[in-house]
Amino acid sequence: MKNFIILGTQRTGSSALAESIGLNPMVACGWEWTLQVPWRQKLKVAERALAGDFSFLIQKHQDHMAKAFDSRKTCLGFRRLFRSSSKWIIHPRFCPALWLDRLEDHLHWLTKRTDIHIIHIVRRQGLDWLKSVYVARKANVWVGKPYPEGIKVTIPMRKAVSRLRAKDWVDYRLATLADSNPYLRLNYEDFLVDQNAVTALALQFLQCDPKMMRIREPRVHKQSKGDVADYVLNYDELLAKLDCLDLLTSPLDRP
């Protein structure tokens, strides 16, 4: 049984990617298994679940895996996302949210488990990501449904900068797993353009045949219908500030 984990920050399309990968009959892809698990037990529960023991998961995850997992599967994995909180001082590495998420403990564990395949999904466009975070929160719409017509937000400048720096730090740290584990980086923006092509890349990475997909039509559509400026009232101010700080795109794109 090949194990894999889809890693990233929140609001990066990881749920859509996981659903698409899970449509292949060779793959059993869980949800965020350890999201509601106490912080001390997250790694223990992940280890057991990747070995096929789902008894430590909360009931809805157990029910999902009872339907998704059987002896025919060759790949078993789940999603693990890390928060991009604005509440940190000096450097994002000192963010309390990442301490509770156990980011560094996960990295240490994964470098020891070099058999685990890492699929790292990255949202490259910083301002579009911020729009997604704040609009989804205001609308209380998270996955699969379009944003309400006419919804607009004002994104606090200071928090925007802190959140993006935290996001970039998490992505930077996750990318270091390329040195120890089988590693594939996927971009959210590419997934939006062609879900089938990006899903096929992930399946080939897991050594699964993309031609065995049960459903080929795109499963997820972008929640917003317009440009970022259509949703963000202080768009011009944010754009200028983030451009000045070199935060408009992911640092993983830079030399």
Protein backbone atom coordinates (compact mmCIF):
# COMPACT_ATOMS: atom_id res chain seq x y z
CA MET A 1 0.00 0.00 0.00
CA LYS A 2 1.51 3.30 -1.13
CA ASN A 3 0.90 6.17 1.29
CA PHE A 4 0.53 9.81 0.31
CA ILE A 5 -0.39 13.12 1.92
CA ILE A 6 -1.76 16.22 0.22
CA LEU A 7 -0.09 19.15 1.98
CA GLY A 8 -0.59 22.89 1.79
CA THR A 9 -2.24 25.85 3.41
CA GLN A 10 -5.96 26.45 3.65
CA ARG A 11 -7.93 27.83 0.67
CA THR A 12 -5.67 26.25 -1.94
CA GLY A 13 -8.07 23.82 -3.63
CA SER A 14 -6.84 20.79 -1.70
CA SER A 15 -10.34 19.38 -1.17
CA ALA A 16 -11.09 19.54 -4.89
CA LEU A 17 -7.77 17.90 -5.72
CA ALA A 18 -8.35 15.16 -3.13
CA GLU A 19 -11.81 14.47 -4.50
CA SER A 20 -10.48 14.25 -8.05
CA ILE A 21 -7.66 11.89 -7.09
CA GLY A 22 -10.10 9.75 -5.11
CA LEU A 23 -12.18 9.10 -8.24
CA ASN A 24 -9.51 6.68 -9.40
CA PRO A 25 -10.45 3.14 -8.30
CA MET A 26 -6.89 2.46 -7.15
CA VAL A 27 -6.91 5.37 -4.67
CA ALA A 28 -8.53 5.87 -1.27
CA CYS A 29 -8.19 9.53 -0.32
CA GLY A 30 -9.35 10.62 3.11
CA TRP A 31 -10.40 14.08 4.25
CA GLU A 32 -8.53 16.13 6.87
CA TRP A 33 -8.23 13.19 9.24
CA THR A 34 -6.38 15.00 12.00
CA LEU A 35 -8.09 18.40 11.86
CA GLN A 36 -10.22 17.77 14.96
CA VAL A 37 -7.70 15.53 16.70
CA PRO A 38 -5.98 16.94 19.84
CA TRP A 39 -2.58 18.35 18.93
CA ARG A 40 -0.63 15.77 20.93
CA GLN A 41 -2.28 12.88 19.07
CA LYS A 42 -2.18 14.16 15.48
CA LEU A 43 0.88 12.21 14.34
CA LYS A 44 -0.14 9.02 16.14
CA VAL A 45 -3.58 9.08 14.54
CA ALA A 46 -2.08 9.80 11.11
CA GLU A 47 0.31 6.83 11.43
CA ARG A 48 -2.50 4.44 12.38
CA ALA A 49 -4.84 5.66 9.66
CA LEU A 50 -2.15 5.40 6.96
CA ALA A 51 -1.73 1.78 8.08
CA GLY A 52 -5.45 1.20 7.52
CA ASP A 53 -6.63 1.56 11.13
CA PHE A 54 -9.36 4.22 11.04
CA SER A 55 -10.75 3.51 14.51
CA PHE A 56 -9.09 6.62 16.01
CA LEU A 57 -10.72 8.98 13.51
CA ILE A 58 -13.91 10.86 14.32
CA GLN A 59 -17.07 9.09 13.19
CA LYS A 60 -17.70 10.96 9.93
CA HIS A 61 -14.17 10.14 8.76
CA GLN A 62 -14.61 6.50 9.73
CA ASP A 63 -17.85 6.38 7.75
CA HIS A 64 -16.17 7.97 4.73
CA MET A 65 -13.27 5.52 4.77
CA ALA A 66 -15.62 2.56 5.18
CA LYS A 67 -16.96 3.48 1.74
CA ALA A 68 -13.70 4.61 0.15
CA PHE A 69 -11.25 1.92 1.28
CA ASP A 70 -11.10 -1.75 0.33
CA SER A 71 -8.53 -4.41 -0.49
CA ARG A 72 -8.33 -3.38 -4.14
CA LYS A 73 -6.79 -0.02 -3.35
CA THR A 74 -3.08 0.47 -3.94
CA CYS A 75 -2.81 4.03 -2.58
CA LEU A 76 -4.05 5.42 0.72
CA GLY A 77 -3.70 9.02 1.84
CA PHE A 78 -5.31 12.11 3.28
CA ARG A 79 -5.07 15.91 3.43
CA ARG A 80 -3.09 17.87 6.01
CA LEU A 81 -3.40 21.64 5.87
CA PHE A 82 -1.62 24.25 7.97
CA ARG A 83 -2.99 27.61 9.04
CA SER A 84 -1.73 30.95 7.74
CA SER A 85 -2.50 33.05 10.78
CA SER A 86 -1.73 36.75 11.06
CA LYS A 87 -1.03 36.33 14.80
CA TRP A 88 2.72 36.06 15.07
CA ILE A 89 5.63 38.22 16.24
CA ILE A 90 9.15 38.58 14.76
CA HIS A 91 8.79 35.66 12.29
CA PRO A 92 6.03 33.28 11.11
CA ARG A 93 7.96 30.34 12.55
CA PHE A 94 6.85 31.58 15.97
CA CYS A 95 3.16 31.56 15.07
CA PRO A 96 1.10 29.85 17.84
CA ALA A 97 -1.26 28.37 15.24
CA LEU A 98 1.60 26.54 13.52
CA TRP A 99 2.80 25.28 16.88
CA LEU A 100 -0.65 23.82 17.55
CA ASP A 101 -0.74 22.43 14.01
CA ARG A 102 2.68 20.88 14.74
CA LEU A 103 4.18 21.94 11.43
CA GLU A 104 7.77 21.21 12.38
CA ASP A 105 6.83 17.92 14.05
CA HIS A 106 5.10 16.85 10.84
CA LEU A 107 8.19 17.73 8.82
CA HIS A 108 10.42 15.74 11.16
CA TRP A 109 8.05 12.76 11.00
CA LEU A 110 7.81 12.85 7.22
CA THR A 111 11.57 13.01 6.72
CA LYS A 112 11.72 9.75 8.68
CA ARG A 113 8.89 8.24 6.64
CA THR A 114 10.58 8.56 3.28
CA ASP A 115 8.09 6.14 1.75
CA ILE A 116 5.25 8.67 2.04
CA HIS A 117 4.58 10.49 -1.22
CA ILE A 118 4.06 14.24 -0.82
CA ILE A 119 1.64 16.15 -3.04
CA HIS A 120 2.12 19.84 -2.24
CA ILE A 121 -0.57 22.12 -3.63
CA VAL A 122 0.34 25.81 -3.78
CA ARG A 123 -1.80 28.84 -4.53
CA ARG A 124 0.60 31.15 -6.34
CA GLN A 125 -1.38 34.40 -6.51
CA GLY A 126 -1.26 36.08 -3.11
CA LEU A 127 -3.99 38.68 -3.56
CA ASP A 128 -6.41 36.16 -5.03
CA TRP A 129 -5.71 33.88 -2.05
CA LEU A 130 -6.42 36.72 0.40
CA LYS A 131 -9.69 37.45 -1.37
CA SER A 132 -10.66 33.81 -1.03
CA VAL A 133 -9.86 33.77 2.70
CA TYR A 134 -11.81 36.89 3.58
CA VAL A 135 -14.78 36.44 1.23
CA ALA A 136 -15.29 32.82 2.28
CA ARG A 137 -15.22 33.87 5.92
CA LYS A 138 -17.71 36.70 5.42
CA ALA A 139 -20.07 34.58 3.33
CA ASN A 140 -19.52 31.42 5.42
CA VAL A 141 -19.14 29.54 2.14
CA TRP A 142 -16.14 27.23 2.04
CA VAL A 143 -16.31 24.42 -0.52
CA GLY A 144 -18.23 23.83 -3.72
CA LYS A 145 -20.71 26.73 -3.63
CA PRO A 146 -20.33 30.09 -5.42
CA TYR A 147 -19.97 33.29 -3.44
CA PRO A 148 -23.14 35.39 -3.02
CA GLU A 149 -23.75 38.03 -5.66
CA GLY A 150 -22.46 41.47 -4.75
CA ILE A 151 -20.38 40.43 -1.74
CA LYS A 152 -17.39 42.68 -1.04
CA VAL A 153 -14.74 42.83 1.67
CA THR A 154 -12.14 45.24 2.97
CA ILE A 155 -8.96 43.34 3.82
CA PRO A 156 -6.95 44.83 6.71
CA MET A 157 -3.52 45.74 5.36
CA ARG A 158 -1.47 44.66 8.35
CA LYS A 159 -3.23 41.30 8.65
CA ALA A 160 -2.98 40.75 4.90
CA VAL A 161 0.80 41.13 4.99
CA SER A 162 1.13 38.88 8.06
CA ARG A 163 -1.12 36.19 6.58
CA LEU A 164 0.75 36.12 3.29
CA ARG A 165 4.10 35.91 5.01
CA ALA A 166 2.82 33.03 7.12
CA LYS A 167 1.49 31.28 4.01
CA ASP A 168 4.80 31.74 2.20
CA TRP A 169 6.69 30.38 5.21
CA VAL A 170 4.52 27.26 5.38
CA ASP A 171 4.95 26.62 1.65
CA TYR A 172 8.70 27.15 1.95
CA ARG A 173 8.95 24.65 4.80
CA LEU A 174 6.75 22.08 3.06
CA ALA A 175 8.84 22.36 -0.10
CA THR A 176 11.91 21.14 1.83
CA LEU A 177 10.34 17.67 1.81
CA ALA A 178 11.51 17.40 -1.79
CA ASP A 179 14.92 16.58 -0.30
CA SER A 180 13.69 13.50 1.57
CA ASN A 181 10.44 12.20 0.10
CA PRO A 182 8.91 11.54 -3.30
CA TYR A 183 7.55 15.03 -3.91
CA LEU A 184 5.19 16.63 -6.41
CA ARG A 185 4.26 20.31 -6.40
CA LEU A 186 0.99 21.29 -8.03
CA ASN A 187 -0.36 24.80 -8.57
CA TYR A 188 -3.95 25.69 -7.74
CA GLU A 189 -4.09 27.97 -10.78
CA ASP A 190 -3.14 25.11 -13.11
CA PHE A 191 -5.80 22.91 -11.51
CA LEU A 192 -8.46 25.54 -12.25
CA VAL A 193 -7.44 25.67 -15.91
CA ASP A 194 -7.42 21.88 -16.45
CA GLN A 195 -8.50 19.69 -13.56
CA ASN A 196 -8.13 16.48 -15.51
CA ALA A 197 -4.55 17.21 -16.59
CA VAL A 198 -3.38 18.11 -13.08
CA THR A 199 -5.21 15.14 -11.56
CA ALA A 200 -3.49 12.91 -14.12
CA LEU A 201 -0.09 14.26 -13.01
CA ALA A 202 -0.90 13.39 -9.40
CA LEU A 203 -2.07 9.90 -10.33
CA GLN A 204 1.02 9.23 -12.43
CA PHE A 205 3.12 10.39 -9.48
CA LEU A 206 1.34 7.74 -7.38
CA GLN A 207 1.88 5.21 -10.17
CA CYS A 208 -1.85 4.91 -10.84
CA ASP A 209 -3.36 4.81 -14.30
CA PRO A 210 -5.23 8.10 -15.04
CA LYS A 211 -7.27 6.29 -17.70
CA MET A 212 -9.07 4.38 -14.94
CA MET A 213 -10.88 7.50 -13.71
CA ARG A 214 -14.57 6.80 -13.11
CA ILE A 215 -15.64 10.36 -13.94
CA ARG A 216 -13.75 12.61 -16.32
CA GLU A 217 -15.79 15.83 -16.22
CA PRO A 218 -14.47 18.71 -14.07
CA ARG A 219 -15.85 18.26 -10.57
CA VAL A 220 -15.21 21.66 -9.01
CA HIS A 221 -15.67 25.18 -10.30
CA LYS A 222 -14.19 28.42 -9.01
CA GLN A 223 -16.32 30.04 -6.33
CA SER A 224 -15.81 33.58 -7.65
CA LYS A 225 -17.07 34.72 -11.03
CA GLY A 226 -15.18 38.00 -11.33
CA ASP A 227 -11.74 39.44 -10.77
CA VAL A 228 -10.21 40.08 -7.35
CA ALA A 229 -11.00 43.79 -7.69
CA ASP A 230 -14.70 42.94 -7.94
CA TYR A 231 -14.64 41.58 -4.38
CA VAL A 232 -12.00 43.65 -2.56
CA LEU A 233 -12.89 47.27 -1.82
CA ASN A 234 -9.30 48.32 -1.06
CA TYR A 235 -7.84 46.38 -4.00
CA ASP A 236 -5.59 49.16 -5.39
CA GLU A 237 -4.08 49.91 -1.98
CA LEU A 238 -3.42 46.20 -1.32
CA LEU A 239 -1.96 45.65 -4.76
CA ALA A 240 0.53 48.48 -4.36
CA LYS A 241 1.58 47.37 -0.86
CA LEU A 242 2.00 43.70 -1.69
CA ASP A 243 3.87 44.53 -4.88
CA CYS A 244 6.25 46.74 -2.89
CA LEU A 245 6.86 43.88 -0.42
CA ASP A 246 7.22 41.26 -3.20
CA LEU A 247 4.25 39.29 -1.83
CA LEU A 248 2.06 39.07 -4.93
CA THR A 249 3.31 35.63 -5.98
CA SER A 250 4.59 32.56 -4.20
CA PRO A 251 8.29 32.67 -3.27
CA LEU A 252 8.59 29.15 -4.69
CA ASP A 253 8.36 30.74 -8.15
CA ARG A 254 11.45 32.83 -7.56
CA PRO A 255 15.03 31.73 -8.37
